[in-house]
Amino acid sequence: MKKILLLGVFILSTYSITLFGQKLSPEQQKIKQTFFDFLHFYQKNAKKFNSFLLYKGTGKENNPPYKIQWKEAEKYFLFLRKQVPFVGEEYIKNERAHFKYYDSCYKADPEEEIAVGFDFDRWAGGQDNVAYLVKWNTSTKNKYSVEIKGNKAFLKIGSPLWEKTANPEYAWSIVPFIKEKGKWKMADNIYPEDETESSDTKE
């Protein structure tokens, strides 16, 4: 019985190494690289990305209640179409949906001091400076996986929470993709997955 159990553990361990230790295929690597290229493009052009006044406070001295400035949003969408090759129409559609949701939040709670949706770096995902966020998302210590289903895909990025532990936990983030006109494009910005998983379950 002990031999059978040991054999079972060995088979499962081998399966886990094979399943989660696989390198990304060329198609998966292309998706991952698209996000990396977007991050570096954003880092170089952060001033332009942040130049769009997408919301404003309608109270005194730009205080709440807030509202989305839709004319400015349309300028932002035009900028994405013309100058940001890593995103496509699905990305713009989702950004528009996010802005509508933020606008509804402002109307529901006009006294809220925090401008929902703009209290973090929406393009690199976090509240640190751009350089740090780019480094965080592209670190060689991260784990990456890409799931492709038809013309849609999801890039998952696992960043170690405590690097010096023997079996660190990872904070996972997701970047949705879609294939438009034969090319993989980001379908939305990076967002965090709700749970963390240990290193023996993800690669």
N, C-alpha and C. Protein backbone atom coordinates (compact mmCIF):
# COMPACT_ATOMS: atom_id res chain seq x y z
N MET A 1 0.82 -1.20 0.00
CA MET A 1 0.00 0.00 0.00
C MET A 1 0.86 1.26 0.00
N LYS A 2 1.95 1.23 0.82
CA LYS A 2 2.83 2.39 0.90
C LYS A 2 3.47 2.66 -0.45
N LYS A 3 3.85 1.57 -1.17
CA LYS A 3 4.48 1.73 -2.48
C LYS A 3 3.50 2.36 -3.47
N ILE A 4 2.23 1.91 -3.37
CA ILE A 4 1.21 2.46 -4.28
C ILE A 4 1.00 3.95 -4.02
N LEU A 5 0.96 4.33 -2.72
CA LEU A 5 0.78 5.73 -2.36
C LEU A 5 1.95 6.58 -2.84
N LEU A 6 3.17 6.07 -2.65
CA LEU A 6 4.36 6.79 -3.10
C LEU A 6 4.36 6.95 -4.61
N LEU A 7 3.92 5.89 -5.32
CA LEU A 7 3.86 5.96 -6.77
C LEU A 7 2.85 7.02 -7.21
N GLY A 8 1.70 7.05 -6.47
CA GLY A 8 0.68 8.04 -6.79
C GLY A 8 1.18 9.45 -6.60
N VAL A 9 1.88 9.69 -5.49
CA VAL A 9 2.45 11.01 -5.22
C VAL A 9 3.44 11.40 -6.31
N PHE A 10 4.27 10.43 -6.72
CA PHE A 10 5.27 10.69 -7.77
C PHE A 10 4.59 11.07 -9.08
N ILE A 11 3.54 10.33 -9.43
CA ILE A 11 2.83 10.62 -10.68
C ILE A 11 2.20 12.00 -10.64
N LEU A 12 1.54 12.32 -9.50
CA LEU A 12 0.92 13.63 -9.36
C LEU A 12 1.94 14.75 -9.40
N SER A 13 3.09 14.53 -8.75
CA SER A 13 4.16 15.53 -8.74
C SER A 13 4.69 15.75 -10.14
N THR A 14 4.89 14.64 -10.86
CA THR A 14 5.39 14.73 -12.23
C THR A 14 4.39 15.47 -13.11
N TYR A 15 3.07 15.16 -12.91
CA TYR A 15 2.03 15.81 -13.67
C TYR A 15 2.02 17.31 -13.40
N SER A 16 2.15 17.68 -12.13
CA SER A 16 2.15 19.10 -11.76
C SER A 16 3.31 19.83 -12.40
N ILE A 17 4.48 19.21 -12.38
CA ILE A 17 5.67 19.84 -12.98
C ILE A 17 5.48 20.00 -14.47
N THR A 18 4.89 18.96 -15.10
CA THR A 18 4.68 19.01 -16.55
C THR A 18 3.64 20.06 -16.90
N LEU A 19 2.52 20.09 -16.11
CA LEU A 19 1.43 21.00 -16.41
C LEU A 19 1.80 22.45 -16.13
N PHE A 20 2.34 22.72 -14.95
CA PHE A 20 2.59 24.10 -14.56
C PHE A 20 3.99 24.57 -14.89
N GLY A 21 4.85 23.66 -15.32
CA GLY A 21 6.22 24.03 -15.63
C GLY A 21 6.46 24.24 -17.12
N GLN A 22 5.38 24.12 -17.91
CA GLN A 22 5.51 24.28 -19.35
C GLN A 22 5.87 25.72 -19.70
N LYS A 23 6.67 25.86 -20.73
CA LYS A 23 6.98 27.19 -21.23
C LYS A 23 5.82 27.66 -22.09
N LEU A 24 5.69 28.96 -22.22
CA LEU A 24 4.63 29.51 -23.05
C LEU A 24 4.88 29.19 -24.51
N SER A 25 3.83 28.88 -25.24
CA SER A 25 3.93 28.65 -26.67
C SER A 25 4.22 29.98 -27.36
N PRO A 26 4.62 29.95 -28.63
CA PRO A 26 4.86 31.22 -29.34
C PRO A 26 3.64 32.15 -29.32
N GLU A 27 2.43 31.57 -29.44
CA GLU A 27 1.21 32.38 -29.41
C GLU A 27 0.99 32.99 -28.03
N GLN A 28 1.23 32.20 -27.00
CA GLN A 28 1.08 32.70 -25.63
C GLN A 28 2.14 33.75 -25.32
N GLN A 29 3.34 33.52 -25.81
CA GLN A 29 4.43 34.47 -25.59
C GLN A 29 4.12 35.81 -26.26
N LYS A 30 3.48 35.73 -27.42
CA LYS A 30 3.11 36.95 -28.15
C LYS A 30 2.12 37.79 -27.33
N ILE A 31 1.20 37.13 -26.67
CA ILE A 31 0.22 37.82 -25.83
C ILE A 31 0.91 38.48 -24.64
N LYS A 32 1.77 37.72 -23.99
CA LYS A 32 2.52 38.27 -22.86
C LYS A 32 3.36 39.47 -23.29
N GLN A 33 4.04 39.34 -24.43
CA GLN A 33 4.90 40.42 -24.90
C GLN A 33 4.10 41.66 -25.28
N THR A 34 2.88 41.46 -25.77
CA THR A 34 2.03 42.60 -26.10
C THR A 34 1.76 43.45 -24.87
N PHE A 35 1.49 42.78 -23.76
CA PHE A 35 1.26 43.54 -22.52
C PHE A 35 2.53 44.23 -22.05
N PHE A 36 3.66 43.54 -22.14
CA PHE A 36 4.94 44.15 -21.76
C PHE A 36 5.21 45.38 -22.62
N ASP A 37 4.96 45.26 -23.93
CA ASP A 37 5.19 46.38 -24.84
C ASP A 37 4.26 47.55 -24.51
N PHE A 38 3.03 47.22 -24.14
CA PHE A 38 2.09 48.27 -23.74
C PHE A 38 2.60 49.01 -22.51
N LEU A 39 3.08 48.25 -21.52
CA LEU A 39 3.57 48.88 -20.29
C LEU A 39 4.74 49.83 -20.56
N HIS A 40 5.68 49.39 -21.41
CA HIS A 40 6.84 50.24 -21.72
C HIS A 40 6.41 51.46 -22.54
N PHE A 41 5.44 51.26 -23.43
CA PHE A 41 4.91 52.37 -24.21
C PHE A 41 4.24 53.38 -23.26
N TYR A 42 3.46 52.85 -22.32
CA TYR A 42 2.78 53.71 -21.35
C TYR A 42 3.80 54.47 -20.51
N GLN A 43 4.84 53.79 -20.09
CA GLN A 43 5.86 54.45 -19.25
C GLN A 43 6.49 55.62 -19.99
N LYS A 44 6.74 55.44 -21.28
CA LYS A 44 7.35 56.51 -22.08
C LYS A 44 6.36 57.63 -22.37
N ASN A 45 5.07 57.29 -22.36
CA ASN A 45 4.06 58.28 -22.74
C ASN A 45 3.06 58.56 -21.61
N ALA A 46 3.49 58.35 -20.38
CA ALA A 46 2.61 58.53 -19.22
C ALA A 46 2.04 59.94 -19.16
N LYS A 47 2.83 60.91 -19.52
CA LYS A 47 2.37 62.30 -19.48
C LYS A 47 1.17 62.49 -20.40
N LYS A 48 1.22 61.87 -21.59
CA LYS A 48 0.11 61.99 -22.54
C LYS A 48 -1.11 61.25 -22.03
N PHE A 49 -0.94 60.02 -21.52
CA PHE A 49 -2.06 59.25 -20.97
C PHE A 49 -2.77 60.03 -19.87
N ASN A 50 -2.00 60.67 -19.03
CA ASN A 50 -2.56 61.38 -17.88
C ASN A 50 -2.98 62.81 -18.19
N SER A 51 -2.81 63.21 -19.44
CA SER A 51 -3.18 64.58 -19.81
C SER A 51 -4.69 64.74 -20.04
N PHE A 52 -5.38 63.61 -20.19
CA PHE A 52 -6.82 63.67 -20.44
C PHE A 52 -7.56 63.86 -19.10
N LEU A 53 -8.31 64.94 -19.01
CA LEU A 53 -9.06 65.24 -17.78
C LEU A 53 -10.39 64.50 -17.86
N LEU A 54 -10.35 63.22 -17.53
CA LEU A 54 -11.50 62.34 -17.74
C LEU A 54 -12.64 62.58 -16.76
N TYR A 55 -12.35 63.21 -15.65
CA TYR A 55 -13.41 63.53 -14.69
C TYR A 55 -13.11 64.88 -14.06
N LYS A 56 -14.10 65.47 -13.44
CA LYS A 56 -13.89 66.75 -12.74
C LYS A 56 -14.87 66.85 -11.59
N GLY A 57 -14.48 67.65 -10.62
CA GLY A 57 -15.38 67.95 -9.52
C GLY A 57 -16.23 69.14 -9.88
N THR A 58 -17.52 69.06 -9.63
CA THR A 58 -18.41 70.15 -10.00
C THR A 58 -18.66 71.11 -8.82
N GLY A 59 -18.06 70.78 -7.68
CA GLY A 59 -18.18 71.66 -6.52
C GLY A 59 -17.09 72.73 -6.55
N LYS A 60 -17.01 73.52 -5.50
CA LYS A 60 -16.00 74.57 -5.43
C LYS A 60 -14.60 73.95 -5.42
N GLU A 61 -13.67 74.58 -6.16
CA GLU A 61 -12.28 74.15 -6.24
C GLU A 61 -12.15 72.68 -6.65
N ASN A 62 -12.99 72.29 -7.61
CA ASN A 62 -12.94 70.94 -8.18
C ASN A 62 -13.30 69.86 -7.16
N ASN A 63 -14.06 70.20 -6.14
CA ASN A 63 -14.50 69.23 -5.14
C ASN A 63 -15.75 68.48 -5.63
N PRO A 64 -16.12 67.40 -4.92
CA PRO A 64 -17.31 66.63 -5.31
C PRO A 64 -18.55 67.52 -5.31
N PRO A 65 -19.59 67.08 -6.03
CA PRO A 65 -19.70 65.79 -6.72
C PRO A 65 -18.91 65.76 -8.03
N TYR A 66 -18.43 64.57 -8.36
CA TYR A 66 -17.65 64.39 -9.59
C TYR A 66 -18.55 64.01 -10.75
N LYS A 67 -18.00 64.14 -11.95
CA LYS A 67 -18.68 63.65 -13.14
C LYS A 67 -17.64 63.34 -14.22
N ILE A 68 -17.97 62.39 -15.08
CA ILE A 68 -17.10 62.07 -16.22
C ILE A 68 -17.26 63.16 -17.27
N GLN A 69 -16.14 63.58 -17.83
CA GLN A 69 -16.16 64.57 -18.92
C GLN A 69 -16.13 63.80 -20.24
N TRP A 70 -17.29 63.60 -20.82
CA TRP A 70 -17.41 62.71 -21.97
C TRP A 70 -16.72 63.25 -23.22
N LYS A 71 -16.69 64.55 -23.41
CA LYS A 71 -15.97 65.09 -24.58
C LYS A 71 -14.48 64.78 -24.47
N GLU A 72 -13.96 64.88 -23.26
CA GLU A 72 -12.55 64.56 -23.03
C GLU A 72 -12.32 63.06 -23.20
N ALA A 73 -13.28 62.26 -22.76
CA ALA A 73 -13.17 60.81 -22.91
C ALA A 73 -13.09 60.43 -24.40
N GLU A 74 -13.86 61.10 -25.24
CA GLU A 74 -13.82 60.80 -26.67
C GLU A 74 -12.45 61.14 -27.26
N LYS A 75 -11.82 62.20 -26.77
CA LYS A 75 -10.46 62.53 -27.21
C LYS A 75 -9.49 61.43 -26.79
N TYR A 76 -9.70 60.92 -25.61
CA TYR A 76 -8.87 59.81 -25.10
C TYR A 76 -9.05 58.57 -25.96
N PHE A 77 -10.29 58.24 -26.32
CA PHE A 77 -10.55 57.08 -27.16
C PHE A 77 -9.90 57.25 -28.54
N LEU A 78 -9.93 58.45 -29.06
CA LEU A 78 -9.29 58.73 -30.36
C LEU A 78 -7.78 58.54 -30.27
N PHE A 79 -7.20 58.98 -29.17
CA PHE A 79 -5.78 58.78 -28.92
C PHE A 79 -5.44 57.29 -28.89
N LEU A 80 -6.26 56.50 -28.22
CA LEU A 80 -6.04 55.05 -28.17
C LEU A 80 -6.07 54.44 -29.56
N ARG A 81 -7.07 54.83 -30.35
CA ARG A 81 -7.22 54.27 -31.71
C ARG A 81 -6.02 54.61 -32.60
N LYS A 82 -5.56 55.84 -32.50
CA LYS A 82 -4.54 56.31 -33.44
C LYS A 82 -3.11 56.05 -33.00
N GLN A 83 -2.87 56.01 -31.68
CA GLN A 83 -1.48 56.00 -31.23
C GLN A 83 -1.09 54.84 -30.32
N VAL A 84 -2.06 54.01 -29.92
CA VAL A 84 -1.74 52.91 -29.01
C VAL A 84 -2.08 51.59 -29.70
N PRO A 85 -1.11 50.98 -30.40
CA PRO A 85 -1.39 49.78 -31.20
C PRO A 85 -1.64 48.51 -30.40
N PHE A 86 -1.48 48.55 -29.10
CA PHE A 86 -1.61 47.35 -28.26
C PHE A 86 -3.05 47.12 -27.80
N VAL A 87 -3.92 48.10 -28.04
CA VAL A 87 -5.33 47.98 -27.66
C VAL A 87 -6.20 48.13 -28.89
N GLY A 88 -7.46 47.64 -28.78
CA GLY A 88 -8.37 47.73 -29.91
C GLY A 88 -9.74 48.23 -29.49
N GLU A 89 -10.74 47.91 -30.31
CA GLU A 89 -12.08 48.41 -30.07
C GLU A 89 -12.72 47.81 -28.82
N GLU A 90 -12.39 46.55 -28.50
CA GLU A 90 -12.94 45.94 -27.30
C GLU A 90 -12.44 46.66 -26.05
N TYR A 91 -11.18 47.06 -26.09
CA TYR A 91 -10.58 47.81 -24.99
C TYR A 91 -11.32 49.15 -24.80
N ILE A 92 -11.56 49.85 -25.90
CA ILE A 92 -12.26 51.14 -25.84
C ILE A 92 -13.69 50.94 -25.34
N LYS A 93 -14.34 49.90 -25.82
CA LYS A 93 -15.70 49.59 -25.37
C LYS A 93 -15.73 49.36 -23.86
N ASN A 94 -14.75 48.64 -23.35
CA ASN A 94 -14.69 48.38 -21.91
C ASN A 94 -14.35 49.63 -21.10
N GLU A 95 -13.47 50.46 -21.64
CA GLU A 95 -13.15 51.72 -20.96
C GLU A 95 -14.41 52.59 -20.86
N ARG A 96 -15.17 52.64 -21.95
CA ARG A 96 -16.40 53.42 -21.94
C ARG A 96 -17.37 52.90 -20.87
N ALA A 97 -17.46 51.56 -20.77
CA ALA A 97 -18.34 50.94 -19.77
C ALA A 97 -17.86 51.27 -18.36
N HIS A 98 -16.55 51.25 -18.14
CA HIS A 98 -16.01 51.62 -16.83
C HIS A 98 -16.38 53.05 -16.47
N PHE A 99 -16.22 53.96 -17.43
CA PHE A 99 -16.52 55.37 -17.16
C PHE A 99 -18.00 55.57 -16.83
N LYS A 100 -18.87 54.84 -17.52
CA LYS A 100 -20.30 54.94 -17.23
C LYS A 100 -20.59 54.45 -15.81
N TYR A 101 -19.90 53.40 -15.42
CA TYR A 101 -20.08 52.88 -14.06
C TYR A 101 -19.58 53.89 -13.03
N TYR A 102 -18.41 54.48 -13.28
CA TYR A 102 -17.87 55.49 -12.35
C TYR A 102 -18.84 56.66 -12.23
N ASP A 103 -19.38 57.08 -13.36
CA ASP A 103 -20.32 58.21 -13.37
C ASP A 103 -21.55 57.89 -12.51
N SER A 104 -22.00 56.64 -12.60
CA SER A 104 -23.17 56.25 -11.80
C SER A 104 -22.83 56.25 -10.31
N CYS A 105 -21.59 55.91 -9.98
CA CYS A 105 -21.14 55.94 -8.58
C CYS A 105 -21.14 57.37 -8.04
N TYR A 106 -20.69 58.30 -8.89
CA TYR A 106 -20.64 59.70 -8.46
C TYR A 106 -22.05 60.23 -8.20
N LYS A 107 -23.00 59.82 -9.04
CA LYS A 107 -24.37 60.27 -8.87
C LYS A 107 -25.02 59.64 -7.64
N ALA A 108 -24.66 58.38 -7.39
CA ALA A 108 -25.24 57.67 -6.25
C ALA A 108 -24.73 58.21 -4.92
N ASP A 109 -23.48 58.70 -4.92
CA ASP A 109 -22.89 59.22 -3.68
C ASP A 109 -22.15 60.52 -3.99
N PRO A 110 -22.89 61.60 -4.15
CA PRO A 110 -22.30 62.88 -4.57
C PRO A 110 -21.32 63.49 -3.57
N GLU A 111 -21.31 63.01 -2.34
CA GLU A 111 -20.41 63.57 -1.34
C GLU A 111 -19.12 62.77 -1.18
N GLU A 112 -18.98 61.67 -1.94
CA GLU A 112 -17.77 60.85 -1.85
C GLU A 112 -16.55 61.66 -2.26
N GLU A 113 -15.53 61.67 -1.38
CA GLU A 113 -14.33 62.47 -1.63
C GLU A 113 -13.39 61.82 -2.65
N ILE A 114 -13.43 60.49 -2.74
CA ILE A 114 -12.53 59.78 -3.66
C ILE A 114 -13.21 59.61 -5.01
N ALA A 115 -12.50 59.95 -6.06
CA ALA A 115 -13.02 59.79 -7.41
C ALA A 115 -12.86 58.33 -7.82
N VAL A 116 -13.93 57.57 -7.69
CA VAL A 116 -13.90 56.13 -8.00
C VAL A 116 -13.36 55.91 -9.41
N GLY A 117 -12.42 54.96 -9.53
CA GLY A 117 -11.86 54.62 -10.82
C GLY A 117 -10.60 55.38 -11.18
N PHE A 118 -10.31 56.44 -10.41
CA PHE A 118 -9.13 57.26 -10.72
C PHE A 118 -8.24 57.45 -9.49
N ASP A 119 -8.42 56.59 -8.51
CA ASP A 119 -7.61 56.67 -7.29
C ASP A 119 -6.42 55.72 -7.35
N PHE A 120 -6.09 55.24 -8.56
CA PHE A 120 -4.93 54.36 -8.76
C PHE A 120 -4.51 54.50 -10.22
N ASP A 121 -3.37 53.92 -10.54
CA ASP A 121 -2.90 53.95 -11.92
C ASP A 121 -3.70 52.93 -12.72
N ARG A 122 -4.65 53.39 -13.50
CA ARG A 122 -5.56 52.48 -14.18
C ARG A 122 -4.89 51.68 -15.30
N TRP A 123 -3.76 52.12 -15.81
CA TRP A 123 -3.11 51.42 -16.92
C TRP A 123 -2.08 50.40 -16.47
N ALA A 124 -1.44 50.63 -15.35
CA ALA A 124 -0.43 49.69 -14.86
C ALA A 124 -0.89 48.95 -13.61
N GLY A 125 -2.03 49.35 -13.06
CA GLY A 125 -2.63 48.61 -11.96
C GLY A 125 -1.94 48.75 -10.62
N GLY A 126 -2.14 49.83 -9.92
CA GLY A 126 -1.54 50.01 -8.60
C GLY A 126 -1.52 51.46 -8.19
N GLN A 127 -0.97 51.72 -7.02
CA GLN A 127 -0.91 53.09 -6.51
C GLN A 127 0.51 53.60 -6.37
N ASP A 128 1.46 52.89 -6.97
CA ASP A 128 2.86 53.33 -6.96
C ASP A 128 3.17 54.08 -8.24
N ASN A 129 4.42 54.56 -8.36
CA ASN A 129 4.79 55.29 -9.57
C ASN A 129 4.91 54.32 -10.75
N VAL A 130 4.87 54.89 -11.94
CA VAL A 130 4.84 54.09 -13.17
C VAL A 130 6.03 53.14 -13.28
N ALA A 131 7.23 53.65 -13.01
CA ALA A 131 8.44 52.84 -13.15
C ALA A 131 8.37 51.60 -12.26
N TYR A 132 7.91 51.79 -11.03
CA TYR A 132 7.81 50.66 -10.10
C TYR A 132 6.78 49.64 -10.58
N LEU A 133 5.63 50.12 -11.06
CA LEU A 133 4.57 49.22 -11.51
C LEU A 133 4.99 48.42 -12.75
N VAL A 134 5.73 49.05 -13.65
CA VAL A 134 6.23 48.34 -14.83
C VAL A 134 7.20 47.25 -14.39
N LYS A 135 8.09 47.60 -13.49
CA LYS A 135 9.06 46.63 -12.96
C LYS A 135 8.35 45.49 -12.26
N TRP A 136 7.30 45.79 -11.48
CA TRP A 136 6.53 44.79 -10.74
C TRP A 136 5.87 43.79 -11.68
N ASN A 137 5.26 44.30 -12.75
CA ASN A 137 4.51 43.43 -13.67
C ASN A 137 5.39 42.65 -14.64
N THR A 138 6.62 43.09 -14.84
CA THR A 138 7.51 42.42 -15.79
C THR A 138 8.68 41.71 -15.12
N SER A 139 8.64 41.60 -13.81
CA SER A 139 9.75 41.00 -13.06
C SER A 139 10.01 39.55 -13.47
N THR A 140 11.27 39.18 -13.52
CA THR A 140 11.65 37.79 -13.84
C THR A 140 11.28 36.85 -12.70
N LYS A 141 10.93 37.39 -11.54
CA LYS A 141 10.52 36.56 -10.41
C LYS A 141 9.03 36.21 -10.47
N ASN A 142 8.33 36.85 -11.39
CA ASN A 142 6.90 36.56 -11.55
C ASN A 142 6.68 35.23 -12.25
N LYS A 143 5.46 34.73 -12.13
CA LYS A 143 5.03 33.57 -12.90
C LYS A 143 3.95 34.02 -13.86
N TYR A 144 3.97 33.46 -15.07
CA TYR A 144 3.03 33.88 -16.10
C TYR A 144 2.35 32.66 -16.71
N SER A 145 1.06 32.81 -16.96
CA SER A 145 0.33 31.78 -17.69
C SER A 145 -0.63 32.49 -18.64
N VAL A 146 -0.93 31.83 -19.75
CA VAL A 146 -1.84 32.40 -20.74
C VAL A 146 -2.85 31.33 -21.15
N GLU A 147 -4.11 31.67 -21.00
CA GLU A 147 -5.18 30.76 -21.39
C GLU A 147 -5.85 31.33 -22.63
N ILE A 148 -5.87 30.54 -23.70
CA ILE A 148 -6.48 30.98 -24.96
C ILE A 148 -7.74 30.16 -25.23
N LYS A 149 -8.84 30.86 -25.48
CA LYS A 149 -10.09 30.20 -25.85
C LYS A 149 -10.66 30.91 -27.07
N GLY A 150 -10.43 30.32 -28.23
CA GLY A 150 -10.90 30.94 -29.46
C GLY A 150 -10.21 32.25 -29.72
N ASN A 151 -11.00 33.33 -29.85
CA ASN A 151 -10.41 34.65 -30.13
C ASN A 151 -10.22 35.47 -28.85
N LYS A 152 -10.36 34.79 -27.69
CA LYS A 152 -10.14 35.48 -26.42
C LYS A 152 -9.02 34.79 -25.64
N ALA A 153 -8.36 35.56 -24.80
CA ALA A 153 -7.27 35.01 -24.00
C ALA A 153 -7.14 35.80 -22.70
N PHE A 154 -6.50 35.16 -21.72
CA PHE A 154 -6.24 35.80 -20.44
C PHE A 154 -4.79 35.58 -20.04
N LEU A 155 -4.08 36.67 -19.85
CA LEU A 155 -2.73 36.62 -19.31
C LEU A 155 -2.83 36.72 -17.80
N LYS A 156 -2.23 35.76 -17.08
CA LYS A 156 -2.22 35.80 -15.62
C LYS A 156 -0.80 36.04 -15.14
N ILE A 157 -0.66 37.00 -14.25
CA ILE A 157 0.65 37.37 -13.71
C ILE A 157 0.64 37.12 -12.21
N GLY A 158 1.57 36.28 -11.76
CA GLY A 158 1.70 35.99 -10.34
C GLY A 158 2.96 36.62 -9.78
N SER A 159 2.80 37.53 -8.85
CA SER A 159 3.94 38.22 -8.24
C SER A 159 4.12 37.73 -6.81
N PRO A 160 5.34 37.30 -6.46
CA PRO A 160 5.57 36.76 -5.10
C PRO A 160 5.36 37.82 -4.03
N LEU A 161 4.62 37.46 -2.99
CA LEU A 161 4.36 38.39 -1.89
C LEU A 161 5.53 38.45 -0.93
N TRP A 162 6.13 37.28 -0.66
CA TRP A 162 7.28 37.20 0.23
C TRP A 162 8.33 36.36 -0.47
N GLU A 163 9.31 37.01 -1.09
CA GLU A 163 10.26 36.34 -1.97
C GLU A 163 11.18 35.36 -1.25
N LYS A 164 11.51 35.61 0.00
CA LYS A 164 12.54 34.81 0.66
C LYS A 164 12.00 33.59 1.40
N THR A 165 10.70 33.32 1.27
CA THR A 165 10.15 32.13 1.89
C THR A 165 10.31 30.93 0.96
N ALA A 166 10.34 29.73 1.56
CA ALA A 166 10.55 28.51 0.77
C ALA A 166 9.40 28.25 -0.19
N ASN A 167 8.20 28.60 0.21
CA ASN A 167 7.02 28.34 -0.61
C ASN A 167 6.14 29.59 -0.65
N PRO A 168 6.58 30.61 -1.39
CA PRO A 168 5.90 31.91 -1.36
C PRO A 168 4.50 31.87 -1.95
N GLU A 169 3.66 32.77 -1.48
CA GLU A 169 2.35 32.95 -2.09
C GLU A 169 2.46 34.03 -3.16
N TYR A 170 1.55 33.95 -4.12
CA TYR A 170 1.60 34.88 -5.24
C TYR A 170 0.32 35.69 -5.31
N ALA A 171 0.46 36.97 -5.57
CA ALA A 171 -0.69 37.84 -5.85
C ALA A 171 -0.90 37.80 -7.36
N TRP A 172 -2.09 37.39 -7.77
CA TRP A 172 -2.34 37.19 -9.20
C TRP A 172 -3.16 38.33 -9.79
N SER A 173 -2.73 38.75 -10.97
CA SER A 173 -3.45 39.77 -11.73
C SER A 173 -3.78 39.21 -13.11
N ILE A 174 -4.80 39.78 -13.73
CA ILE A 174 -5.28 39.28 -15.02
C ILE A 174 -5.35 40.41 -16.04
N VAL A 175 -4.96 40.08 -17.27
CA VAL A 175 -5.10 41.01 -18.39
C VAL A 175 -5.87 40.29 -19.49
N PRO A 176 -7.10 40.71 -19.80
CA PRO A 176 -7.87 40.08 -20.87
C PRO A 176 -7.37 40.53 -22.25
N PHE A 177 -7.45 39.61 -23.21
CA PHE A 177 -7.06 39.90 -24.59
C PHE A 177 -8.15 39.43 -25.54
N ILE A 178 -8.14 40.00 -26.72
CA ILE A 178 -9.04 39.56 -27.79
C ILE A 178 -8.30 39.70 -29.12
N LYS A 179 -8.60 38.81 -30.05
CA LYS A 179 -7.95 38.89 -31.36
C LYS A 179 -8.84 39.73 -32.28
N GLU A 180 -8.29 40.82 -32.75
CA GLU A 180 -9.00 41.72 -33.66
C GLU A 180 -8.19 41.86 -34.94
N LYS A 181 -8.82 41.56 -36.06
CA LYS A 181 -8.17 41.64 -37.38
C LYS A 181 -6.88 40.84 -37.39
N GLY A 182 -6.91 39.66 -36.75
CA GLY A 182 -5.77 38.76 -36.78
C GLY A 182 -4.67 39.06 -35.79
N LYS A 183 -4.84 40.08 -34.95
CA LYS A 183 -3.80 40.45 -33.98
C LYS A 183 -4.37 40.45 -32.56
N TRP A 184 -3.55 40.00 -31.61
CA TRP A 184 -3.95 40.01 -30.22
C TRP A 184 -3.86 41.42 -29.67
N LYS A 185 -4.97 41.88 -29.11
CA LYS A 185 -5.04 43.22 -28.52
C LYS A 185 -5.53 43.11 -27.08
N MET A 186 -5.06 43.99 -26.23
CA MET A 186 -5.60 44.06 -24.87
C MET A 186 -7.08 44.42 -24.94
N ALA A 187 -7.89 43.69 -24.18
CA ALA A 187 -9.32 43.96 -24.15
C ALA A 187 -9.71 44.79 -22.94
N ASP A 188 -8.79 44.94 -22.00
CA ASP A 188 -9.07 45.71 -20.78
C ASP A 188 -7.75 45.95 -20.08
N ASN A 189 -7.78 46.79 -19.05
CA ASN A 189 -6.57 47.02 -18.25
C ASN A 189 -6.35 45.87 -17.28
N ILE A 190 -5.17 45.82 -16.72
CA ILE A 190 -4.84 44.79 -15.74
C ILE A 190 -5.67 44.99 -14.47
N TYR A 191 -6.14 43.89 -13.91
CA TYR A 191 -6.88 43.97 -12.66
C TYR A 191 -6.52 42.79 -11.77
N PRO A 192 -6.62 42.93 -10.45
CA PRO A 192 -6.20 41.86 -9.53
C PRO A 192 -7.22 40.74 -9.45
N GLU A 193 -6.70 39.52 -9.34
CA GLU A 193 -7.56 38.38 -9.04
C GLU A 193 -7.83 38.41 -7.54
N ASP A 194 -8.95 37.91 -7.14
CA ASP A 194 -9.37 38.04 -5.74
C ASP A 194 -8.57 37.22 -4.75
N GLU A 195 -7.96 36.14 -5.23
CA GLU A 195 -7.30 35.24 -4.29
C GLU A 195 -5.82 35.10 -4.57
N THR A 196 -5.06 34.60 -3.59
CA THR A 196 -3.66 34.29 -3.78
C THR A 196 -3.49 32.78 -3.70
N GLU A 197 -2.50 32.28 -4.45
CA GLU A 197 -2.27 30.85 -4.47
C GLU A 197 -0.80 30.57 -4.25
N SER A 198 -0.51 29.44 -3.63
CA SER A 198 0.88 29.09 -3.35
C SER A 198 1.59 28.63 -4.59
N SER A 199 2.93 28.60 -4.54
CA SER A 199 3.75 28.33 -5.72
C SER A 199 3.60 26.90 -6.22
N ASP A 200 3.03 25.99 -5.43
CA ASP A 200 2.91 24.62 -5.90
C ASP A 200 1.63 24.39 -6.68
N THR A 201 0.85 25.47 -6.91
CA THR A 201 -0.37 25.32 -7.70
C THR A 201 -0.36 26.15 -8.97
N LYS A 202 0.63 27.02 -9.14
CA LYS A 202 0.68 27.86 -10.34
C LYS A 202 2.09 27.92 -10.87
N GLU A 203 2.22 28.16 -12.17
CA GLU A 203 3.54 28.33 -12.77
C GLU A 203 3.45 29.40 -13.83
